[in-house]
């Protein structure tokens, strides 16, 4: 699968070399940018450009056609909404939030407000300053942020339901940590609401509303129900393809204006 990113070069970038510009915009190394150019993945105003040191004049439109596997940690075209203090980012598959994405945004002085697993796609909140990070942290603690996920699960599931369990550490798999439902009062409580929205062959499409935010919570809960998420390499006994879990929407009151906001993934 390919993805396209488009950039309108600002006039104050006149004289900047193409590779310097792309490296800054995509948070990629010069070596990675050179590889893209060699692959004819870059066009300027509709014409393929392979010269790394080609000077920009300002006002050009640069288009990049990239495979998802390219591993761009922060792609500005994935920003769904942005204002002075925060932005809503549509995370693609395969980006490690705690490593790749965090390393890409940290130099800007930005920070993560919450997290998504590497295999999970969808909406993610990023704070641009410490005041906003703390304000959003309060909203999460007060359970004022509603997250809606869509998942494809194995088997036939009907109706809707509510799960409230304890989740604790389980047996790791290939060095990767796993979690499981437990009966230990000392383990963290996890709550999830779920509802069926469709049937797709031998699978069921469900919406999931995490009331708490435990690590792997939705994946663990669906596996506990006997309907693991399709493509889950940690909790599905026979995973195939990519993890079918998508953070579809976010709703919350603005931390300072208190206006109710709602965002939906474009993916």
C-alpha atoms as a PDB file:
ATOM      1  CA  UNK A   1       0.000   0.000   0.000  1.00  0.00           C
ATOM      2  CA  UNK A   2       1.250   3.476  -0.886  1.00  0.00           C
ATOM      3  CA  UNK A   3       0.662   6.789   0.814  1.00  0.00           C
ATOM      4  CA  UNK A   4       1.114  10.267  -0.637  1.00  0.00           C
ATOM      5  CA  UNK A   5       2.332  13.355   1.192  1.00  0.00           C
ATOM      6  CA  UNK A   6       2.107  16.834  -0.305  1.00  0.00           C
ATOM      7  CA  UNK A   7       3.966  19.951   0.820  1.00  0.00           C
ATOM      8  CA  UNK A   8       3.597  23.558  -0.304  1.00  0.00           C
ATOM      9  CA  UNK A   9       7.042  25.140   0.061  1.00  0.00           C
ATOM     10  CA  UNK A  10       6.901  28.409   1.976  1.00  0.00           C
ATOM     11  CA  UNK A  11       8.500  31.451   0.363  1.00  0.00           C
ATOM     12  CA  UNK A  12      10.954  31.821   3.247  1.00  0.00           C
ATOM     13  CA  UNK A  13      12.433  28.410   2.283  1.00  0.00           C
ATOM     14  CA  UNK A  14      13.887  29.905  -0.906  1.00  0.00           C
ATOM     15  CA  UNK A  15      17.443  28.610  -1.393  1.00  0.00           C
ATOM     16  CA  UNK A  16      16.951  25.546   0.841  1.00  0.00           C
ATOM     17  CA  UNK A  17      18.244  22.289  -0.645  1.00  0.00           C
ATOM     18  CA  UNK A  18      15.560  19.704  -1.392  1.00  0.00           C
ATOM     19  CA  UNK A  19      17.069  17.041   0.883  1.00  0.00           C
ATOM     20  CA  UNK A  20      17.392  19.525   3.764  1.00  0.00           C
ATOM     21  CA  UNK A  21      13.737  20.508   3.356  1.00  0.00           C
ATOM     22  CA  UNK A  22      12.433  16.940   3.193  1.00  0.00           C
ATOM     23  CA  UNK A  23      14.598  15.838   6.105  1.00  0.00           C
ATOM     24  CA  UNK A  24      13.082  18.583   8.248  1.00  0.00           C
ATOM     25  CA  UNK A  25       9.490  18.019   7.133  1.00  0.00           C
ATOM     26  CA  UNK A  26       9.544  14.233   7.476  1.00  0.00           C
ATOM     27  CA  UNK A  27      12.021  13.868  10.369  1.00  0.00           C
ATOM     28  CA  UNK A  28      14.052  11.501   8.193  1.00  0.00           C
ATOM     29  CA  UNK A  29      17.821  11.171   7.838  1.00  0.00           C
ATOM     30  CA  UNK A  30      19.501  12.555   4.727  1.00  0.00           C
ATOM     31  CA  UNK A  31      20.336   8.968   3.770  1.00  0.00           C
ATOM     32  CA  UNK A  32      16.652   7.992   3.900  1.00  0.00           C
ATOM     33  CA  UNK A  33      15.689  11.055   1.853  1.00  0.00           C
ATOM     34  CA  UNK A  34      18.343  10.219  -0.757  1.00  0.00           C
ATOM     35  CA  UNK A  35      16.906   6.719  -1.055  1.00  0.00           C
ATOM     36  CA  UNK A  36      13.443   8.154  -1.726  1.00  0.00           C
ATOM     37  CA  UNK A  37      14.803  10.465  -4.401  1.00  0.00           C
ATOM     38  CA  UNK A  38      16.690   7.606  -6.069  1.00  0.00           C
ATOM     39  CA  UNK A  39      13.416   5.664  -6.170  1.00  0.00           C
ATOM     40  CA  UNK A  40      11.753   8.536  -8.098  1.00  0.00           C
ATOM     41  CA  UNK A  41       9.325   8.955  -5.219  1.00  0.00           C
ATOM     42  CA  UNK A  42       9.527  12.767  -5.311  1.00  0.00           C
ATOM     43  CA  UNK A  43       7.813  15.167  -7.692  1.00  0.00           C
ATOM     44  CA  UNK A  44       8.052  18.954  -7.755  1.00  0.00           C
ATOM     45  CA  UNK A  45       5.116  20.621  -9.491  1.00  0.00           C
ATOM     46  CA  UNK A  46       4.315  17.325 -11.181  1.00  0.00           C
ATOM     47  CA  UNK A  47       7.837  16.504 -12.441  1.00  0.00           C
ATOM     48  CA  UNK A  48      10.055  13.781 -10.947  1.00  0.00           C
ATOM     49  CA  UNK A  49      13.053  15.214  -9.086  1.00  0.00           C
ATOM     50  CA  UNK A  50      16.077  13.103  -8.066  1.00  0.00           C
ATOM     51  CA  UNK A  51      18.639  15.832  -7.303  1.00  0.00           C
ATOM     52  CA  UNK A  52      19.137  16.001  -3.532  1.00  0.00           C
ATOM     53  CA  UNK A  53      20.770  19.446  -3.545  1.00  0.00           C
ATOM     54  CA  UNK A  54      18.280  20.996  -5.934  1.00  0.00           C
ATOM     55  CA  UNK A  55      17.564  24.479  -4.486  1.00  0.00           C
ATOM     56  CA  UNK A  56      13.957  25.393  -3.772  1.00  0.00           C
ATOM     57  CA  UNK A  57      12.502  28.731  -4.856  1.00  0.00           C
ATOM     58  CA  UNK A  58       9.444  28.823  -2.593  1.00  0.00           C
ATOM     59  CA  UNK A  59       5.873  28.251  -3.753  1.00  0.00           C
ATOM     60  CA  UNK A  60       6.512  24.805  -5.275  1.00  0.00           C
ATOM     61  CA  UNK A  61       4.323  21.809  -4.479  1.00  0.00           C
ATOM     62  CA  UNK A  62       6.311  18.715  -3.509  1.00  0.00           C
ATOM     63  CA  UNK A  63       4.608  15.322  -3.712  1.00  0.00           C
ATOM     64  CA  UNK A  64       6.066  12.162  -2.195  1.00  0.00           C
ATOM     65  CA  UNK A  65       4.726   8.685  -2.916  1.00  0.00           C
ATOM     66  CA  UNK A  66       5.785   6.339  -0.145  1.00  0.00           C
ATOM     67  CA  UNK A  67       5.198   2.733   0.891  1.00  0.00           C
ATOM     68  CA  UNK A  68       3.727   2.400   4.388  1.00  0.00           C
ATOM     69  CA  UNK A  69       6.793   0.335   5.249  1.00  0.00           C
ATOM     70  CA  UNK A  70       8.982   3.415   4.763  1.00  0.00           C
ATOM     71  CA  UNK A  71       8.559   4.080   8.468  1.00  0.00           C
ATOM     72  CA  UNK A  72       8.077   7.845   8.490  1.00  0.00           C
ATOM     73  CA  UNK A  73       7.781   8.572  12.196  1.00  0.00           C
ATOM     74  CA  UNK A  74       5.899  11.860  11.866  1.00  0.00           C
ATOM     75  CA  UNK A  75       4.097  12.749   8.649  1.00  0.00           C
ATOM     76  CA  UNK A  76       2.515  16.258   8.683  1.00  0.00           C
ATOM     77  CA  UNK A  77      -0.130  15.129   6.184  1.00  0.00           C
ATOM     78  CA  UNK A  78      -1.526  12.875   8.931  1.00  0.00           C
ATOM     79  CA  UNK A  79      -2.492  15.831  11.120  1.00  0.00           C
ATOM     80  CA  UNK A  80      -6.293  15.871  11.444  1.00  0.00           C
ATOM     81  CA  UNK A  81      -6.479  19.035  13.554  1.00  0.00           C
ATOM     82  CA  UNK A  82      -3.951  21.483  14.932  1.00  0.00           C
ATOM     83  CA  UNK A  83      -3.976  24.577  17.100  1.00  0.00           C
ATOM     84  CA  UNK A  84      -1.466  26.407  19.260  1.00  0.00           C
ATOM     85  CA  UNK A  85      -1.394  23.947  22.157  1.00  0.00           C
ATOM     86  CA  UNK A  86      -2.111  20.511  20.693  1.00  0.00           C
ATOM     87  CA  UNK A  87      -2.786  18.479  17.590  1.00  0.00           C
ATOM     88  CA  UNK A  88      -4.719  15.349  16.638  1.00  0.00           C
ATOM     89  CA  UNK A  89      -2.614  12.901  14.645  1.00  0.00           C
ATOM     90  CA  UNK A  90      -3.807   9.971  12.513  1.00  0.00           C
ATOM     91  CA  UNK A  91      -1.155   7.346  13.262  1.00  0.00           C
ATOM     92  CA  UNK A  92      -0.440   4.814  10.502  1.00  0.00           C
ATOM     93  CA  UNK A  93       0.322   1.142  11.017  1.00  0.00           C
ATOM     94  CA  UNK A  94       3.797   0.103  12.134  1.00  0.00           C
ATOM     95  CA  UNK A  95       4.963   3.246  13.949  1.00  0.00           C
ATOM     96  CA  UNK A  96       6.196   2.672  17.495  1.00  0.00           C
ATOM     97  CA  UNK A  97       4.733   5.504  19.571  1.00  0.00           C
ATOM     98  CA  UNK A  98       7.148   5.295  22.516  1.00  0.00           C
ATOM     99  CA  UNK A  99      10.215   5.195  20.281  1.00  0.00           C
ATOM    100  CA  UNK A 100       9.908   6.398  16.678  1.00  0.00           C
ATOM    101  CA  UNK A 101       7.095   8.927  17.100  1.00  0.00           C
ATOM    102  CA  UNK A 102       8.311  10.242  20.447  1.00  0.00           C
ATOM    103  CA  UNK A 103      11.837  10.721  19.086  1.00  0.00           C
ATOM    104  CA  UNK A 104      10.410  12.620  16.118  1.00  0.00           C
ATOM    105  CA  UNK A 105       8.304  15.079  18.120  1.00  0.00           C
ATOM    106  CA  UNK A 106      10.523  15.554  21.196  1.00  0.00           C
ATOM    107  CA  UNK A 107      12.923  17.995  19.466  1.00  0.00           C
ATOM    108  CA  UNK A 108       9.899  20.223  18.784  1.00  0.00           C
ATOM    109  CA  UNK A 109       9.134  20.323  22.506  1.00  0.00           C
ATOM    110  CA  UNK A 110       6.001  18.222  21.988  1.00  0.00           C
ATOM    111  CA  UNK A 111       4.868  15.223  24.051  1.00  0.00           C
ATOM    112  CA  UNK A 112       2.418  12.331  23.861  1.00  0.00           C
ATOM    113  CA  UNK A 113      -0.840  12.670  25.786  1.00  0.00           C
ATOM    114  CA  UNK A 114      -1.755   8.993  25.413  1.00  0.00           C
ATOM    115  CA  UNK A 115      -0.485   6.011  23.418  1.00  0.00           C
ATOM    116  CA  UNK A 116      -1.404   3.476  20.765  1.00  0.00           C
ATOM    117  CA  UNK A 117       0.224   0.105  20.151  1.00  0.00           C
ATOM    118  CA  UNK A 118       2.598  -0.169  17.178  1.00  0.00           C
ATOM    119  CA  UNK A 119       0.051  -2.224  15.209  1.00  0.00           C
ATOM    120  CA  UNK A 120      -2.951  -0.031  16.089  1.00  0.00           C
ATOM    121  CA  UNK A 121      -3.890   2.761  13.698  1.00  0.00           C
ATOM    122  CA  UNK A 122      -5.876   5.921  14.289  1.00  0.00           C
ATOM    123  CA  UNK A 123      -6.186   9.075  16.332  1.00  0.00           C
ATOM    124  CA  UNK A 124      -3.581  10.177  18.836  1.00  0.00           C
ATOM    125  CA  UNK A 125      -3.331  13.394  20.876  1.00  0.00           C
ATOM    126  CA  UNK A 126      -0.036  15.296  20.969  1.00  0.00           C
ATOM    127  CA  UNK A 127       0.601  18.243  23.297  1.00  0.00           C
ATOM    128  CA  UNK A 128       2.773  21.131  22.133  1.00  0.00           C
ATOM    129  CA  UNK A 129       3.584  22.404  25.614  1.00  0.00           C
ATOM    130  CA  UNK A 130       3.624  21.243  29.231  1.00  0.00           C
ATOM    131  CA  UNK A 131       0.569  23.279  30.235  1.00  0.00           C
ATOM    132  CA  UNK A 132      -1.557  21.554  27.609  1.00  0.00           C
ATOM    133  CA  UNK A 133      -0.166  18.119  28.478  1.00  0.00           C
ATOM    134  CA  UNK A 134      -1.169  18.560  32.116  1.00  0.00           C
ATOM    135  CA  UNK A 135      -4.591  19.893  31.133  1.00  0.00           C
ATOM    136  CA  UNK A 136      -5.279  16.847  28.970  1.00  0.00           C
ATOM    137  CA  UNK A 137      -3.958  14.555  31.674  1.00  0.00           C
ATOM    138  CA  UNK A 138      -6.634  15.980  33.962  1.00  0.00           C
ATOM    139  CA  UNK A 139      -9.317  15.349  31.332  1.00  0.00           C
ATOM    140  CA  UNK A 140      -8.223  11.716  31.058  1.00  0.00           C
ATOM    141  CA  UNK A 141      -8.190  11.292  34.838  1.00  0.00           C
ATOM    142  CA  UNK A 142     -11.706  12.723  35.010  1.00  0.00           C
ATOM    143  CA  UNK A 143     -12.771  10.332  32.190  1.00  0.00           C
ATOM    144  CA  UNK A 144     -13.893  13.222  29.977  1.00  0.00           C
ATOM    145  CA  UNK A 145     -12.104  11.907  26.858  1.00  0.00           C
ATOM    146  CA  UNK A 146     -14.191   9.412  24.884  1.00  0.00           C
ATOM    147  CA  UNK A 147     -12.270   7.113  22.555  1.00  0.00           C
ATOM    148  CA  UNK A 148     -14.085   4.989  20.004  1.00  0.00           C
ATOM    149  CA  UNK A 149     -12.282   2.075  18.355  1.00  0.00           C
ATOM    150  CA  UNK A 150     -13.433  -0.171  15.528  1.00  0.00           C
ATOM    151  CA  UNK A 151     -12.207  -3.770  15.393  1.00  0.00           C
ATOM    152  CA  UNK A 152     -12.750  -6.892  13.337  1.00  0.00           C
ATOM    153  CA  UNK A 153     -12.928  -9.953  15.595  1.00  0.00           C
ATOM    154  CA  UNK A 154     -13.061 -13.683  15.049  1.00  0.00           C
ATOM    155  CA  UNK A 155     -16.368 -15.534  15.093  1.00  0.00           C
ATOM    156  CA  UNK A 156     -19.932 -14.390  15.586  1.00  0.00           C
ATOM    157  CA  UNK A 157     -20.577 -11.933  18.381  1.00  0.00           C
ATOM    158  CA  UNK A 158     -24.061 -10.502  18.984  1.00  0.00           C
ATOM    159  CA  UNK A 159     -25.520  -7.483  20.701  1.00  0.00           C
ATOM    160  CA  UNK A 160     -23.502  -5.399  23.109  1.00  0.00           C
ATOM    161  CA  UNK A 161     -21.878  -5.736  26.488  1.00  0.00           C
ATOM    162  CA  UNK A 162     -19.688  -4.396  29.250  1.00  0.00           C
ATOM    163  CA  UNK A 163     -16.505  -5.980  30.584  1.00  0.00           C
ATOM    164  CA  UNK A 164     -14.945  -5.149  33.935  1.00  0.00           C
ATOM    165  CA  UNK A 165     -11.957  -7.271  34.919  1.00  0.00           C
ATOM    166  CA  UNK A 166      -8.526  -7.102  36.459  1.00  0.00           C
ATOM    167  CA  UNK A 167      -5.607  -7.163  34.011  1.00  0.00           C
ATOM    168  CA  UNK A 168      -2.119  -8.264  34.974  1.00  0.00           C
ATOM    169  CA  UNK A 169       1.087  -9.453  33.377  1.00  0.00           C
ATOM    170  CA  UNK A 170       0.952 -12.693  31.418  1.00  0.00           C
ATOM    171  CA  UNK A 171       3.517 -14.977  29.818  1.00  0.00           C
ATOM    172  CA  UNK A 172       5.646 -13.138  27.255  1.00  0.00           C
ATOM    173  CA  UNK A 173       5.719 -14.249  23.631  1.00  0.00           C
ATOM    174  CA  UNK A 174       9.025 -14.087  21.792  1.00  0.00           C
ATOM    175  CA  UNK A 175      10.283 -11.513  24.244  1.00  0.00           C
ATOM    176  CA  UNK A 176       7.191  -9.336  23.794  1.00  0.00           C
ATOM    177  CA  UNK A 177       5.209  -8.615  26.976  1.00  0.00           C
ATOM    178  CA  UNK A 178       1.642  -9.867  27.174  1.00  0.00           C
ATOM    179  CA  UNK A 179      -1.196  -9.266  29.613  1.00  0.00           C
ATOM    180  CA  UNK A 180      -4.133 -11.319  30.748  1.00  0.00           C
ATOM    181  CA  UNK A 181      -7.370 -11.176  32.701  1.00  0.00           C
ATOM    182  CA  UNK A 182      -6.721 -12.117  36.324  1.00  0.00           C
ATOM    183  CA  UNK A 183      -8.605 -12.474  39.589  1.00  0.00           C
ATOM    184  CA  UNK A 184      -5.999 -10.627  41.615  1.00  0.00           C
ATOM    185  CA  UNK A 185      -7.348  -7.620  43.474  1.00  0.00           C
ATOM    186  CA  UNK A 186      -3.863  -6.126  43.336  1.00  0.00           C
ATOM    187  CA  UNK A 187      -3.953  -5.979  39.513  1.00  0.00           C
ATOM    188  CA  UNK A 188      -5.389  -2.980  37.664  1.00  0.00           C
ATOM    189  CA  UNK A 189      -9.113  -2.783  36.921  1.00  0.00           C
ATOM    190  CA  UNK A 190      -9.997  -2.533  33.213  1.00  0.00           C
ATOM    191  CA  UNK A 191     -13.416  -1.627  31.772  1.00  0.00           C
ATOM    192  CA  UNK A 192     -14.594  -1.822  28.180  1.00  0.00           C
ATOM    193  CA  UNK A 193     -17.972  -1.289  26.495  1.00  0.00           C
ATOM    194  CA  UNK A 194     -18.535  -3.076  23.184  1.00  0.00           C
ATOM    195  CA  UNK A 195     -21.241  -3.207  20.531  1.00  0.00           C
ATOM    196  CA  UNK A 196     -21.668  -5.180  17.315  1.00  0.00           C
ATOM    197  CA  UNK A 197     -22.106  -3.072  14.158  1.00  0.00           C
ATOM    198  CA  UNK A 198     -21.839  -5.689  11.422  1.00  0.00           C
ATOM    199  CA  UNK A 199     -21.059  -9.187  10.226  1.00  0.00           C
ATOM    200  CA  UNK A 200     -18.283  -9.838   7.696  1.00  0.00           C
ATOM    201  CA  UNK A 201     -18.134 -13.493   6.679  1.00  0.00           C
ATOM    202  CA  UNK A 202     -16.797 -15.477   9.622  1.00  0.00           C
ATOM    203  CA  UNK A 203     -15.866 -12.241  11.439  1.00  0.00           C
ATOM    204  CA  UNK A 204     -17.768  -9.586  13.372  1.00  0.00           C
ATOM    205  CA  UNK A 205     -17.228  -5.819  13.226  1.00  0.00           C
ATOM    206  CA  UNK A 206     -17.488  -4.189  16.646  1.00  0.00           C
ATOM    207  CA  UNK A 207     -17.042  -0.756  18.203  1.00  0.00           C
ATOM    208  CA  UNK A 208     -15.095  -0.617  21.457  1.00  0.00           C
ATOM    209  CA  UNK A 209     -15.170   2.089  24.103  1.00  0.00           C
ATOM    210  CA  UNK A 210     -12.340   1.802  26.645  1.00  0.00           C
ATOM    211  CA  UNK A 211     -13.450   3.336  29.924  1.00  0.00           C
ATOM    212  CA  UNK A 212     -10.005   2.755  31.393  1.00  0.00           C
ATOM    213  CA  UNK A 213      -6.716   2.837  29.501  1.00  0.00           C
ATOM    214  CA  UNK A 214      -4.727  -0.265  30.402  1.00  0.00           C
ATOM    215  CA  UNK A 215      -1.983  -1.616  28.159  1.00  0.00           C
ATOM    216  CA  UNK A 216      -3.442  -3.967  25.495  1.00  0.00           C
ATOM    217  CA  UNK A 217      -6.830  -3.637  27.234  1.00  0.00           C
ATOM    218  CA  UNK A 218      -9.056  -4.006  24.159  1.00  0.00           C
ATOM    219  CA  UNK A 219      -6.969  -6.835  22.747  1.00  0.00           C
ATOM    220  CA  UNK A 220      -6.982  -8.722  26.044  1.00  0.00           C
ATOM    221  CA  UNK A 221     -10.704  -8.209  26.615  1.00  0.00           C
ATOM    222  CA  UNK A 222     -11.747  -9.418  23.163  1.00  0.00           C
ATOM    223  CA  UNK A 223      -9.524 -12.476  23.473  1.00  0.00           C
ATOM    224  CA  UNK A 224     -11.051 -13.089  26.934  1.00  0.00           C
ATOM    225  CA  UNK A 225     -14.512 -13.079  25.323  1.00  0.00           C
ATOM    226  CA  UNK A 226     -13.324 -15.783  22.926  1.00  0.00           C
ATOM    227  CA  UNK A 227     -13.287 -13.391  19.961  1.00  0.00           C
ATOM    228  CA  UNK A 228      -9.688 -12.216  19.466  1.00  0.00           C
ATOM    229  CA  UNK A 229      -9.036  -9.326  17.115  1.00  0.00           C
ATOM    230  CA  UNK A 230      -8.077 -10.421  13.603  1.00  0.00           C
ATOM    231  CA  UNK A 231      -4.320 -10.131  12.997  1.00  0.00           C
ATOM    232  CA  UNK A 232      -3.404  -9.896  16.690  1.00  0.00           C
ATOM    233  CA  UNK A 233       0.029 -11.502  16.909  1.00  0.00           C
ATOM    234  CA  UNK A 234      -0.042 -11.539  20.729  1.00  0.00           C
ATOM    235  CA  UNK A 235      -3.541 -12.727  21.595  1.00  0.00           C
ATOM    236  CA  UNK A 236      -4.835 -14.558  18.508  1.00  0.00           C
ATOM    237  CA  UNK A 237      -3.848 -18.257  18.296  1.00  0.00           C
ATOM    238  CA  UNK A 238      -3.564 -18.095  14.476  1.00  0.00           C
ATOM    239  CA  UNK A 239      -3.053 -14.457  13.429  1.00  0.00           C
ATOM    240  CA  UNK A 240      -3.222 -13.499   9.764  1.00  0.00           C
ATOM    241  CA  UNK A 241      -2.472 -10.085   8.290  1.00  0.00           C
ATOM    242  CA  UNK A 242      -2.313  -6.775  10.160  1.00  0.00           C
ATOM    243  CA  UNK A 243      -4.046  -6.083  13.456  1.00  0.00           C
ATOM    244  CA  UNK A 244      -7.604  -4.950  12.679  1.00  0.00           C
ATOM    245  CA  UNK A 245      -7.911  -2.371  15.447  1.00  0.00           C
ATOM    246  CA  UNK A 246      -8.449   1.290  14.576  1.00  0.00           C
ATOM    247  CA  UNK A 247      -8.827   4.300  16.879  1.00  0.00           C
ATOM    248  CA  UNK A 248     -11.631   5.860  14.868  1.00  0.00           C
ATOM    249  CA  UNK A 249     -12.670   8.916  16.875  1.00  0.00           C
ATOM    250  CA  UNK A 250     -11.959  11.165  19.858  1.00  0.00           C
ATOM    251  CA  UNK A 251     -14.386  13.409  21.738  1.00  0.00           C
ATOM    252  CA  UNK A 252     -13.540  15.754  24.610  1.00  0.00           C
ATOM    253  CA  UNK A 253     -14.118  19.274  25.935  1.00  0.00           C
ATOM    254  CA  UNK A 254     -11.378  21.741  25.043  1.00  0.00           C
ATOM    255  CA  UNK A 255      -9.136  22.011  28.132  1.00  0.00           C
ATOM    256  CA  UNK A 256      -9.484  25.804  28.297  1.00  0.00           C
ATOM    257  CA  UNK A 257     -12.503  26.947  26.230  1.00  0.00           C
ATOM    258  CA  UNK A 258     -14.536  23.872  27.325  1.00  0.00           C
ATOM    259  CA  UNK A 259     -16.103  23.659  23.865  1.00  0.00           C
ATOM    260  CA  UNK A 260     -16.948  20.045  23.023  1.00  0.00           C
ATOM    261  CA  UNK A 261     -14.711  18.754  20.223  1.00  0.00           C
ATOM    262  CA  UNK A 262     -15.067  15.654  18.058  1.00  0.00           C
ATOM    263  CA  UNK A 263     -12.550  14.245  15.590  1.00  0.00           C
ATOM    264  CA  UNK A 264     -12.778  11.292  13.220  1.00  0.00           C
ATOM    265  CA  UNK A 265      -9.922   9.452  11.521  1.00  0.00           C
ATOM    266  CA  UNK A 266      -9.551   9.959   7.781  1.00  0.00           C
ATOM    267  CA  UNK A 267      -8.140   6.453   7.329  1.00  0.00           C
END
